[in-house]
Amino acid sequence: MENFSIQPGISAGKIISTALPKKIAESAQPGFQNVLANSIDQINELNRNADKAIEQLSTGEIQDVHKVMIAVEKANLTFSTMMQVRNKLLGAYQEVMRMQF
């Protein structure tokens, strides 16, 4: 059995970048800002789709109420989830700000 030792000062990013090929390591970590922006864009797109479906239903272009309700509920569910994530992030930020060093 080999002896393993922990080397201080090695970050998780360095471990990932040395363990994986460079292109895979870069694409594996898109960054918090990019993930957040993409998520907000997707939620915004679902809201636009729901608004468009409601408009098409009201003008008579779409007759299927079921599809419209599904689009509205998808938008509602994703928006509610985003708000819960926001609340958790704000709570975590406030907790960190209350810490005394």
PDB file of N, CA and C in Angstrom:
ATOM      1  N   MET A   1       0.839  -1.165   0.000  1.00  0.00           N
ATOM      2  CA  MET A   1       0.000   0.000   0.000  1.00  0.00           C
ATOM      3  C   MET A   1       0.889   1.235   0.000  1.00  0.00           C
ATOM      4  N   GLU A   2       0.506   2.218  -0.827  1.00  0.00           N
ATOM      5  CA  GLU A   2       1.299   3.430  -0.947  1.00  0.00           C
ATOM      6  C   GLU A   2       0.966   4.406   0.175  1.00  0.00           C
ATOM      7  N   ASN A   3       1.956   5.190   0.536  1.00  0.00           N
ATOM      8  CA  ASN A   3       1.729   6.245   1.519  1.00  0.00           C
ATOM      9  C   ASN A   3       1.251   7.499   0.798  1.00  0.00           C
ATOM     10  N   PHE A   4       0.165   8.056   1.280  1.00  0.00           N
ATOM     11  CA  PHE A   4      -0.373   9.279   0.710  1.00  0.00           C
ATOM     12  C   PHE A   4      -0.164  10.408   1.696  1.00  0.00           C
ATOM     13  N   SER A   5       0.130  11.572   1.172  1.00  0.00           N
ATOM     14  CA  SER A   5       0.265  12.740   2.034  1.00  0.00           C
ATOM     15  C   SER A   5      -0.510  13.902   1.427  1.00  0.00           C
ATOM     16  N   ILE A   6      -0.968  14.767   2.285  1.00  0.00           N
ATOM     17  CA  ILE A   6      -1.699  15.949   1.849  1.00  0.00           C
ATOM     18  C   ILE A   6      -0.714  17.093   1.729  1.00  0.00           C
ATOM     19  N   GLN A   7      -0.721  17.718   0.568  1.00  0.00           N
ATOM     20  CA  GLN A   7       0.182  18.834   0.335  1.00  0.00           C
ATOM     21  C   GLN A   7      -0.570  20.135   0.576  1.00  0.00           C
ATOM     22  N   PRO A   8      -0.101  20.941   1.511  1.00  0.00           N
ATOM     23  CA  PRO A   8      -0.792  22.210   1.765  1.00  0.00           C
ATOM     24  C   PRO A   8      -0.595  23.182   0.611  1.00  0.00           C
ATOM     25  N   GLY A   9      -1.581  24.049   0.436  1.00  0.00           N
ATOM     26  CA  GLY A   9      -1.458  25.096  -0.574  1.00  0.00           C
ATOM     27  C   GLY A   9      -1.918  24.694  -1.960  1.00  0.00           C
ATOM     28  N   ILE A  10      -2.506  23.521  -2.121  1.00  0.00           N
ATOM     29  CA  ILE A  10      -3.004  23.112  -3.425  1.00  0.00           C
ATOM     30  C   ILE A  10      -4.506  23.349  -3.438  1.00  0.00           C
ATOM     31  N   SER A  11      -4.969  24.130  -4.397  1.00  0.00           N
ATOM     32  CA  SER A  11      -6.397  24.426  -4.483  1.00  0.00           C
ATOM     33  C   SER A  11      -7.102  23.360  -5.311  1.00  0.00           C
ATOM     34  N   ALA A  12      -8.412  23.315  -5.166  1.00  0.00           N
ATOM     35  CA  ALA A  12      -9.206  22.348  -5.919  1.00  0.00           C
ATOM     36  C   ALA A  12      -9.094  22.611  -7.414  1.00  0.00           C
ATOM     37  N   GLY A  13      -9.028  23.882  -7.795  1.00  0.00           N
ATOM     38  CA  GLY A  13      -8.891  24.214  -9.212  1.00  0.00           C
ATOM     39  C   GLY A  13      -7.607  23.684  -9.807  1.00  0.00           C
ATOM     40  N   LYS A  14      -6.517  23.725  -9.042  1.00  0.00           N
ATOM     41  CA  LYS A  14      -5.236  23.210  -9.524  1.00  0.00           C
ATOM     42  C   LYS A  14      -5.294  21.693  -9.664  1.00  0.00           C
ATOM     43  N   ILE A  15      -5.944  21.034  -8.726  1.00  0.00           N
ATOM     44  CA  ILE A  15      -6.079  19.575  -8.805  1.00  0.00           C
ATOM     45  C   ILE A  15      -6.875  19.198 -10.039  1.00  0.00           C
ATOM     46  N   ILE A  16      -7.981  19.900 -10.276  1.00  0.00           N
ATOM     47  CA  ILE A  16      -8.803  19.604 -11.444  1.00  0.00           C
ATOM     48  C   ILE A  16      -8.036  19.888 -12.722  1.00  0.00           C
ATOM     49  N   SER A  17      -7.317  21.003 -12.768  1.00  0.00           N
ATOM     50  CA  SER A  17      -6.613  21.357 -13.997  1.00  0.00           C
ATOM     51  C   SER A  17      -5.460  20.405 -14.300  1.00  0.00           C
ATOM     52  N   THR A  18      -4.856  19.802 -13.283  1.00  0.00           N
ATOM     53  CA  THR A  18      -3.782  18.852 -13.551  1.00  0.00           C
ATOM     54  C   THR A  18      -4.323  17.463 -13.830  1.00  0.00           C
ATOM     55  N   ALA A  19      -5.502  17.152 -13.301  1.00  0.00           N
ATOM     56  CA  ALA A  19      -6.060  15.818 -13.493  1.00  0.00           C
ATOM     57  C   ALA A  19      -6.771  15.680 -14.829  1.00  0.00           C
ATOM     58  N   LEU A  20      -7.286  16.774 -15.372  1.00  0.00           N
ATOM     59  CA  LEU A  20      -8.040  16.731 -16.611  1.00  0.00           C
ATOM     60  C   LEU A  20      -7.291  17.468 -17.713  1.00  0.00           C
ATOM     61  N   PRO A  21      -7.558  17.114 -18.964  1.00  0.00           N
ATOM     62  CA  PRO A  21      -6.994  17.900 -20.057  1.00  0.00           C
ATOM     63  C   PRO A  21      -7.464  19.350 -19.957  1.00  0.00           C
ATOM     64  N   LYS A  22      -6.697  20.270 -20.526  1.00  0.00           N
ATOM     65  CA  LYS A  22      -6.945  21.702 -20.337  1.00  0.00           C
ATOM     66  C   LYS A  22      -8.341  22.127 -20.796  1.00  0.00           C
ATOM     67  N   LYS A  23      -8.789  21.682 -21.955  1.00  0.00           N
ATOM     68  CA  LYS A  23     -10.098  22.094 -22.464  1.00  0.00           C
ATOM     69  C   LYS A  23     -11.224  21.598 -21.569  1.00  0.00           C
ATOM     70  N   ILE A  24     -11.101  20.383 -21.076  1.00  0.00           N
ATOM     71  CA  ILE A  24     -12.135  19.834 -20.196  1.00  0.00           C
ATOM     72  C   ILE A  24     -12.128  20.571 -18.867  1.00  0.00           C
ATOM     73  N   ALA A  25     -10.969  20.868 -18.332  1.00  0.00           N
ATOM     74  CA  ALA A  25     -10.878  21.567 -17.046  1.00  0.00           C
ATOM     75  C   ALA A  25     -11.478  22.965 -17.145  1.00  0.00           C
ATOM     76  N   GLU A  26     -11.250  23.655 -18.259  1.00  0.00           N
ATOM     77  CA  GLU A  26     -11.804  24.996 -18.422  1.00  0.00           C
ATOM     78  C   GLU A  26     -13.313  24.955 -18.579  1.00  0.00           C
ATOM     79  N   SER A  27     -13.819  23.974 -19.314  1.00  0.00           N
ATOM     80  CA  SER A  27     -15.259  23.906 -19.531  1.00  0.00           C
ATOM     81  C   SER A  27     -15.993  23.327 -18.328  1.00  0.00           C
ATOM     82  N   ALA A  28     -15.290  22.633 -17.439  1.00  0.00           N
ATOM     83  CA  ALA A  28     -15.939  22.034 -16.279  1.00  0.00           C
ATOM     84  C   ALA A  28     -16.312  23.084 -15.247  1.00  0.00           C
ATOM     85  N   GLN A  29     -15.672  24.239 -15.266  1.00  0.00           N
ATOM     86  CA  GLN A  29     -15.948  25.282 -14.292  1.00  0.00           C
ATOM     87  C   GLN A  29     -16.310  26.583 -15.009  1.00  0.00           C
ATOM     88  N   PRO A  30     -17.590  26.762 -15.369  1.00  0.00           N
ATOM     89  CA  PRO A  30     -17.963  27.962 -16.106  1.00  0.00           C
ATOM     90  C   PRO A  30     -17.971  29.229 -15.267  1.00  0.00           C
ATOM     91  N   GLY A  31     -17.963  29.117 -13.978  1.00  0.00           N
ATOM     92  CA  GLY A  31     -17.958  30.289 -13.110  1.00  0.00           C
ATOM     93  C   GLY A  31     -19.349  30.610 -12.598  1.00  0.00           C
ATOM     94  N   PHE A  32     -19.405  31.087 -11.380  1.00  0.00           N
ATOM     95  CA  PHE A  32     -20.682  31.373 -10.732  1.00  0.00           C
ATOM     96  C   PHE A  32     -21.455  32.445 -11.480  1.00  0.00           C
ATOM     97  N   GLN A  33     -20.770  33.478 -11.919  1.00  0.00           N
ATOM     98  CA  GLN A  33     -21.438  34.575 -12.617  1.00  0.00           C
ATOM     99  C   GLN A  33     -22.095  34.085 -13.902  1.00  0.00           C
ATOM    100  N   ASN A  34     -21.395  33.243 -14.666  1.00  0.00           N
ATOM    101  CA  ASN A  34     -21.951  32.727 -15.914  1.00  0.00           C
ATOM    102  C   ASN A  34     -23.133  31.807 -15.660  1.00  0.00           C
ATOM    103  N   VAL A  35     -23.026  30.958 -14.652  1.00  0.00           N
ATOM    104  CA  VAL A  35     -24.126  30.051 -14.323  1.00  0.00           C
ATOM    105  C   VAL A  35     -25.355  30.853 -13.913  1.00  0.00           C
ATOM    106  N   LEU A  36     -25.148  31.862 -13.093  1.00  0.00           N
ATOM    107  CA  LEU A  36     -26.255  32.697 -12.628  1.00  0.00           C
ATOM    108  C   LEU A  36     -26.891  33.457 -13.790  1.00  0.00           C
ATOM    109  N   ALA A  37     -26.080  34.034 -14.647  1.00  0.00           N
ATOM    110  CA  ALA A  37     -26.601  34.786 -15.797  1.00  0.00           C
ATOM    111  C   ALA A  37     -27.368  33.873 -16.747  1.00  0.00           C
ATOM    112  N   ASN A  38     -26.842  32.675 -17.005  1.00  0.00           N
ATOM    113  CA  ASN A  38     -27.536  31.734 -17.885  1.00  0.00           C
ATOM    114  C   ASN A  38     -28.862  31.290 -17.285  1.00  0.00           C
ATOM    115  N   SER A  39     -28.886  31.063 -15.987  1.00  0.00           N
ATOM    116  CA  SER A  39     -30.124  30.660 -15.323  1.00  0.00           C
ATOM    117  C   SER A  39     -31.175  31.760 -15.412  1.00  0.00           C
ATOM    118  N   ILE A  40     -30.762  32.988 -15.186  1.00  0.00           N
ATOM    119  CA  ILE A  40     -31.702  34.108 -15.271  1.00  0.00           C
ATOM    120  C   ILE A  40     -32.210  34.272 -16.699  1.00  0.00           C
ATOM    121  N   ASP A  41     -31.343  34.087 -17.679  1.00  0.00           N
ATOM    122  CA  ASP A  41     -31.769  34.160 -19.080  1.00  0.00           C
ATOM    123  C   ASP A  41     -32.797  33.080 -19.405  1.00  0.00           C
ATOM    124  N   GLN A  42     -32.581  31.867 -18.905  1.00  0.00           N
ATOM    125  CA  GLN A  42     -33.531  30.779 -19.145  1.00  0.00           C
ATOM    126  C   GLN A  42     -34.877  31.071 -18.495  1.00  0.00           C
ATOM    127  N   ILE A  43     -34.854  31.603 -17.287  1.00  0.00           N
ATOM    128  CA  ILE A  43     -36.097  31.950 -16.596  1.00  0.00           C
ATOM    129  C   ILE A  43     -36.821  33.060 -17.352  1.00  0.00           C
ATOM    130  N   ASN A  44     -36.079  34.037 -17.811  1.00  0.00           N
ATOM    131  CA  ASN A  44     -36.665  35.129 -18.587  1.00  0.00           C
ATOM    132  C   ASN A  44     -37.291  34.608 -19.876  1.00  0.00           C
ATOM    133  N   GLU A  45     -36.631  33.675 -20.524  1.00  0.00           N
ATOM    134  CA  GLU A  45     -37.158  33.088 -21.759  1.00  0.00           C
ATOM    135  C   GLU A  45     -38.457  32.327 -21.492  1.00  0.00           C
ATOM    136  N   LEU A  46     -38.513  31.576 -20.393  1.00  0.00           N
ATOM    137  CA  LEU A  46     -39.749  30.870 -20.041  1.00  0.00           C
ATOM    138  C   LEU A  46     -40.878  31.856 -19.757  1.00  0.00           C
ATOM    139  N   ASN A  47     -40.576  32.967 -19.108  1.00  0.00           N
ATOM    140  CA  ASN A  47     -41.596  33.989 -18.851  1.00  0.00           C
ATOM    141  C   ASN A  47     -42.090  34.621 -20.150  1.00  0.00           C
ATOM    142  N   ARG A  48     -41.168  34.870 -21.083  1.00  0.00           N
ATOM    143  CA  ARG A  48     -41.576  35.414 -22.382  1.00  0.00           C
ATOM    144  C   ARG A  48     -42.456  34.427 -23.137  1.00  0.00           C
ATOM    145  N   ASN A  49     -42.083  33.132 -23.082  1.00  0.00           N
ATOM    146  CA  ASN A  49     -42.889  32.108 -23.750  1.00  0.00           C
ATOM    147  C   ASN A  49     -44.288  32.035 -23.151  1.00  0.00           C
ATOM    148  N   ALA A  50     -44.389  32.139 -21.835  1.00  0.00           N
ATOM    149  CA  ALA A  50     -45.696  32.105 -21.177  1.00  0.00           C
ATOM    150  C   ALA A  50     -46.527  33.322 -21.580  1.00  0.00           C
ATOM    151  N   ASP A  51     -45.911  34.498 -21.607  1.00  0.00           N
ATOM    152  CA  ASP A  51     -46.629  35.706 -22.024  1.00  0.00           C
ATOM    153  C   ASP A  51     -47.114  35.593 -23.468  1.00  0.00           C
ATOM    154  N   LYS A  52     -46.252  35.044 -24.315  1.00  0.00           N
ATOM    155  CA  LYS A  52     -46.617  34.869 -25.719  1.00  0.00           C
ATOM    156  C   LYS A  52     -47.769  33.880 -25.859  1.00  0.00           C
ATOM    157  N   ALA A  53     -47.732  32.797 -25.089  1.00  0.00           N
ATOM    158  CA  ALA A  53     -48.802  31.802 -25.142  1.00  0.00           C
ATOM    159  C   ALA A  53     -50.125  32.399 -24.665  1.00  0.00           C
ATOM    160  N   ILE A  54     -50.079  33.214 -23.617  1.00  0.00           N
ATOM    161  CA  ILE A  54     -51.298  33.870 -23.125  1.00  0.00           C
ATOM    162  C   ILE A  54     -51.855  34.817 -24.186  1.00  0.00           C
ATOM    163  N   GLU A  55     -50.968  35.562 -24.813  1.00  0.00           N
ATOM    164  CA  GLU A  55     -51.400  36.492 -25.861  1.00  0.00           C
ATOM    165  C   GLU A  55     -52.023  35.736 -27.034  1.00  0.00           C
ATOM    166  N   GLN A  56     -51.396  34.630 -27.438  1.00  0.00           N
ATOM    167  CA  GLN A  56     -51.928  33.843 -28.548  1.00  0.00           C
ATOM    168  C   GLN A  56     -53.270  33.207 -28.188  1.00  0.00           C
ATOM    169  N   LEU A  57     -53.445  32.817 -26.943  1.00  0.00           N
ATOM    170  CA  LEU A  57     -54.724  32.257 -26.509  1.00  0.00           C
ATOM    171  C   LEU A  57     -55.805  33.334 -26.530  1.00  0.00           C
ATOM    172  N   SER A  58     -55.461  34.520 -26.079  1.00  0.00           N
ATOM    173  CA  SER A  58     -56.459  35.596 -26.031  1.00  0.00           C
ATOM    174  C   SER A  58     -56.844  36.096 -27.423  1.00  0.00           C
ATOM    175  N   THR A  59     -55.936  35.993 -28.395  1.00  0.00           N
ATOM    176  CA  THR A  59     -56.258  36.416 -29.762  1.00  0.00           C
ATOM    177  C   THR A  59     -56.853  35.290 -30.593  1.00  0.00           C
ATOM    178  N   GLY A  60     -56.843  34.085 -30.067  1.00  0.00           N
ATOM    179  CA  GLY A  60     -57.441  32.961 -30.775  1.00  0.00           C
ATOM    180  C   GLY A  60     -56.475  32.188 -31.648  1.00  0.00           C
ATOM    181  N   GLU A  61     -55.195  32.527 -31.629  1.00  0.00           N
ATOM    182  CA  GLU A  61     -54.205  31.801 -32.427  1.00  0.00           C
ATOM    183  C   GLU A  61     -53.999  30.390 -31.892  1.00  0.00           C
ATOM    184  N   ILE A  62     -54.101  30.237 -30.585  1.00  0.00           N
ATOM    185  CA  ILE A  62     -53.973  28.928 -29.939  1.00  0.00           C
ATOM    186  C   ILE A  62     -55.310  28.599 -29.294  1.00  0.00           C
ATOM    187  N   GLN A  63     -55.765  27.371 -29.488  1.00  0.00           N
ATOM    188  CA  GLN A  63     -57.019  26.932 -28.884  1.00  0.00           C
ATOM    189  C   GLN A  63     -56.784  26.014 -27.690  1.00  0.00           C
ATOM    190  N   ASP A  64     -55.554  25.543 -27.544  1.00  0.00           N
ATOM    191  CA  ASP A  64     -55.245  24.561 -26.503  1.00  0.00           C
ATOM    192  C   ASP A  64     -54.877  25.263 -25.192  1.00  0.00           C
ATOM    193  N   VAL A  65     -55.821  25.302 -24.271  1.00  0.00           N
ATOM    194  CA  VAL A  65     -55.595  25.936 -22.974  1.00  0.00           C
ATOM    195  C   VAL A  65     -54.563  25.151 -22.175  1.00  0.00           C
ATOM    196  N   HIS A  66     -54.526  23.845 -22.398  1.00  0.00           N
ATOM    197  CA  HIS A  66     -53.600  22.975 -21.668  1.00  0.00           C
ATOM    198  C   HIS A  66     -52.154  23.399 -21.894  1.00  0.00           C
ATOM    199  N   LYS A  67     -51.776  23.652 -23.135  1.00  0.00           N
ATOM    200  CA  LYS A  67     -50.404  24.073 -23.442  1.00  0.00           C
ATOM    201  C   LYS A  67     -50.083  25.424 -22.812  1.00  0.00           C
ATOM    202  N   VAL A  68     -51.049  26.312 -22.823  1.00  0.00           N
ATOM    203  CA  VAL A  68     -50.839  27.633 -22.231  1.00  0.00           C
ATOM    204  C   VAL A  68     -50.631  27.504 -20.730  1.00  0.00           C
ATOM    205  N   MET A  69     -51.446  26.693 -20.080  1.00  0.00           N
ATOM    206  CA  MET A  69     -51.318  26.508 -18.631  1.00  0.00           C
ATOM    207  C   MET A  69     -49.980  25.865 -18.273  1.00  0.00           C
ATOM    208  N   ILE A  70     -49.524  24.929 -19.087  1.00  0.00           N
ATOM    209  CA  ILE A  70     -48.215  24.309 -18.839  1.00  0.00           C
ATOM    210  C   ILE A  70     -47.110  25.357 -18.955  1.00  0.00           C
ATOM    211  N   ALA A  71     -47.174  26.202 -19.979  1.00  0.00           N
ATOM    212  CA  ALA A  71     -46.159  27.250 -20.150  1.00  0.00           C
ATOM    213  C   ALA A  71     -46.173  28.222 -18.973  1.00  0.00           C
ATOM    214  N   VAL A  72     -47.363  28.595 -18.514  1.00  0.00           N
ATOM    215  CA  VAL A  72     -47.473  29.524 -17.386  1.00  0.00           C
ATOM    216  C   VAL A  72     -46.941  28.887 -16.109  1.00  0.00           C
ATOM    217  N   GLU A  73     -47.270  27.631 -15.876  1.00  0.00           N
ATOM    218  CA  GLU A  73     -46.806  26.959 -14.658  1.00  0.00           C
ATOM    219  C   GLU A  73     -45.302  26.712 -14.675  1.00  0.00           C
ATOM    220  N   LYS A  74     -44.733  26.419 -15.851  1.00  0.00           N
ATOM    221  CA  LYS A  74     -43.271  26.288 -15.948  1.00  0.00           C
ATOM    222  C   LYS A  74     -42.602  27.599 -15.562  1.00  0.00           C
ATOM    223  N   ALA A  75     -43.129  28.692 -16.102  1.00  0.00           N
ATOM    224  CA  ALA A  75     -42.563  30.004 -15.787  1.00  0.00           C
ATOM    225  C   ALA A  75     -42.721  30.315 -14.303  1.00  0.00           C
ATOM    226  N   ASN A  76     -43.881  30.005 -13.749  1.00  0.00           N
ATOM    227  CA  ASN A  76     -44.137  30.263 -12.333  1.00  0.00           C
ATOM    228  C   ASN A  76     -43.215  29.434 -11.443  1.00  0.00           C
ATOM    229  N   LEU A  77     -43.059  28.170 -11.770  1.00  0.00           N
ATOM    230  CA  LEU A  77     -42.220  27.280 -10.965  1.00  0.00           C
ATOM    231  C   LEU A  77     -40.751  27.701 -11.008  1.00  0.00           C
ATOM    232  N   THR A  78     -40.250  28.026 -12.189  1.00  0.00           N
ATOM    233  CA  THR A  78     -38.844  28.431 -12.282  1.00  0.00           C
ATOM    234  C   THR A  78     -38.603  29.770 -11.589  1.00  0.00           C
ATOM    235  N   PHE A  79     -39.573  30.680 -11.691  1.00  0.00           N
ATOM    236  CA  PHE A  79     -39.416  31.970 -11.013  1.00  0.00           C
ATOM    237  C   PHE A  79     -39.434  31.782  -9.497  1.00  0.00           C
ATOM    238  N   SER A  80     -40.329  30.929  -9.012  1.00  0.00           N
ATOM    239  CA  SER A  80     -40.385  30.654  -7.568  1.00  0.00           C
ATOM    240  C   SER A  80     -39.097  30.011  -7.084  1.00  0.00           C
ATOM    241  N   THR A  81     -38.557  29.098  -7.871  1.00  0.00           N
ATOM    242  CA  THR A  81     -37.295  28.453  -7.512  1.00  0.00           C
ATOM    243  C   THR A  81     -36.165  29.475  -7.472  1.00  0.00           C
ATOM    244  N   MET A  82     -36.138  30.370  -8.466  1.00  0.00           N
ATOM    245  CA  MET A  82     -35.113  31.410  -8.481  1.00  0.00           C
ATOM    246  C   MET A  82     -35.216  32.298  -7.239  1.00  0.00           C
ATOM    247  N   MET A  83     -36.422  32.624  -6.836  1.00  0.00           N
ATOM    248  CA  MET A  83     -36.600  33.464  -5.649  1.00  0.00           C
ATOM    249  C   MET A  83     -36.133  32.744  -4.388  1.00  0.00           C
ATOM    250  N   GLN A  84     -36.354  31.436  -4.308  1.00  0.00           N
ATOM    251  CA  GLN A  84     -35.886  30.680  -3.149  1.00  0.00           C
ATOM    252  C   GLN A  84     -34.361  30.622  -3.112  1.00  0.00           C
ATOM    253  N   VAL A  85     -33.748  30.443  -4.283  1.00  0.00           N
ATOM    254  CA  VAL A  85     -32.280  30.445  -4.350  1.00  0.00           C
ATOM    255  C   VAL A  85     -31.748  31.810  -3.944  1.00  0.00           C
ATOM    256  N   ARG A  86     -32.400  32.864  -4.424  1.00  0.00           N
ATOM    257  CA  ARG A  86     -32.012  34.225  -4.041  1.00  0.00           C
ATOM    258  C   ARG A  86     -32.096  34.410  -2.532  1.00  0.00           C
ATOM    259  N   ASN A  87     -33.188  33.951  -1.937  1.00  0.00           N
ATOM    260  CA  ASN A  87     -33.353  34.091  -0.489  1.00  0.00           C
ATOM    261  C   ASN A  87     -32.272  33.331   0.270  1.00  0.00           C
ATOM    262  N   LYS A  88     -31.928  32.140  -0.205  1.00  0.00           N
ATOM    263  CA  LYS A  88     -30.867  31.360   0.451  1.00  0.00           C
ATOM    264  C   LYS A  88     -29.516  32.059   0.320  1.00  0.00           C
ATOM    265  N   LEU A  89     -29.231  32.602  -0.861  1.00  0.00           N
ATOM    266  CA  LEU A  89     -27.971  33.318  -1.060  1.00  0.00           C
ATOM    267  C   LEU A  89     -27.890  34.559  -0.172  1.00  0.00           C
ATOM    268  N   LEU A  90     -28.979  35.296  -0.082  1.00  0.00           N
ATOM    269  CA  LEU A  90     -28.981  36.476   0.787  1.00  0.00           C
ATOM    270  C   LEU A  90     -28.823  36.085   2.251  1.00  0.00           C
ATOM    271  N   GLY A  91     -29.471  34.995   2.646  1.00  0.00           N
ATOM    272  CA  GLY A  91     -29.320  34.515   4.019  1.00  0.00           C
ATOM    273  C   GLY A  91     -27.889  34.109   4.319  1.00  0.00           C
ATOM    274  N   ALA A  92     -27.259  33.431   3.363  1.00  0.00           N
ATOM    275  CA  ALA A  92     -25.863  33.023   3.551  1.00  0.00           C
ATOM    276  C   ALA A  92     -24.950  34.244   3.614  1.00  0.00           C
ATOM    277  N   TYR A  93     -25.204  35.234   2.764  1.00  0.00           N
ATOM    278  CA  TYR A  93     -24.405  36.464   2.779  1.00  0.00           C
ATOM    279  C   TYR A  93     -24.555  37.181   4.119  1.00  0.00           C
ATOM    280  N   GLN A  94     -25.781  37.278   4.603  1.00  0.00           N
ATOM    281  CA  GLN A  94     -26.014  37.943   5.884  1.00  0.00           C
ATOM    282  C   GLN A  94     -25.345  37.194   7.024  1.00  0.00           C
ATOM    283  N   GLU A  95     -25.350  35.880   6.958  1.00  0.00           N
ATOM    284  CA  GLU A  95     -24.688  35.073   7.990  1.00  0.00           C
ATOM    285  C   GLU A  95     -23.182  35.316   7.979  1.00  0.00           C
ATOM    286  N   VAL A  96     -22.592  35.382   6.796  1.00  0.00           N
ATOM    287  CA  VAL A  96     -21.157  35.653   6.697  1.00  0.00           C
ATOM    288  C   VAL A  96     -20.846  37.050   7.231  1.00  0.00           C
ATOM    289  N   MET A  97     -21.709  38.008   6.936  1.00  0.00           N
ATOM    290  CA  MET A  97     -21.476  39.373   7.409  1.00  0.00           C
ATOM    291  C   MET A  97     -21.600  39.480   8.933  1.00  0.00           C
ATOM    292  N   ARG A  98     -22.366  38.597   9.559  1.00  0.00           N
ATOM    293  CA  ARG A  98     -22.511  38.607  11.018  1.00  0.00           C
ATOM    294  C   ARG A  98     -21.343  37.943  11.734  1.00  0.00           C
ATOM    295  N   MET A  99     -20.541  37.192  11.000  1.00  0.00           N
ATOM    296  CA  MET A  99     -19.413  36.500  11.633  1.00  0.00           C
ATOM    297  C   MET A  99     -18.396  37.506  12.142  1.00  0.00           C
ATOM    298  N   GLN A 100     -17.797  37.168  13.267  1.00  0.00           N
ATOM    299  CA  GLN A 100     -16.753  38.010  13.829  1.00  0.00           C
ATOM    300  C   GLN A 100     -15.428  37.280  13.690  1.00  0.00           C
ATOM    301  N   PHE A 101     -14.466  37.972  13.137  1.00  0.00           N
ATOM    302  CA  PHE A 101     -13.162  37.341  12.920  1.00  0.00           C
ATOM    303  C   PHE A 101     -12.199  37.729  13.988  1.00  0.00           C
TER     304      PHE A 101
END
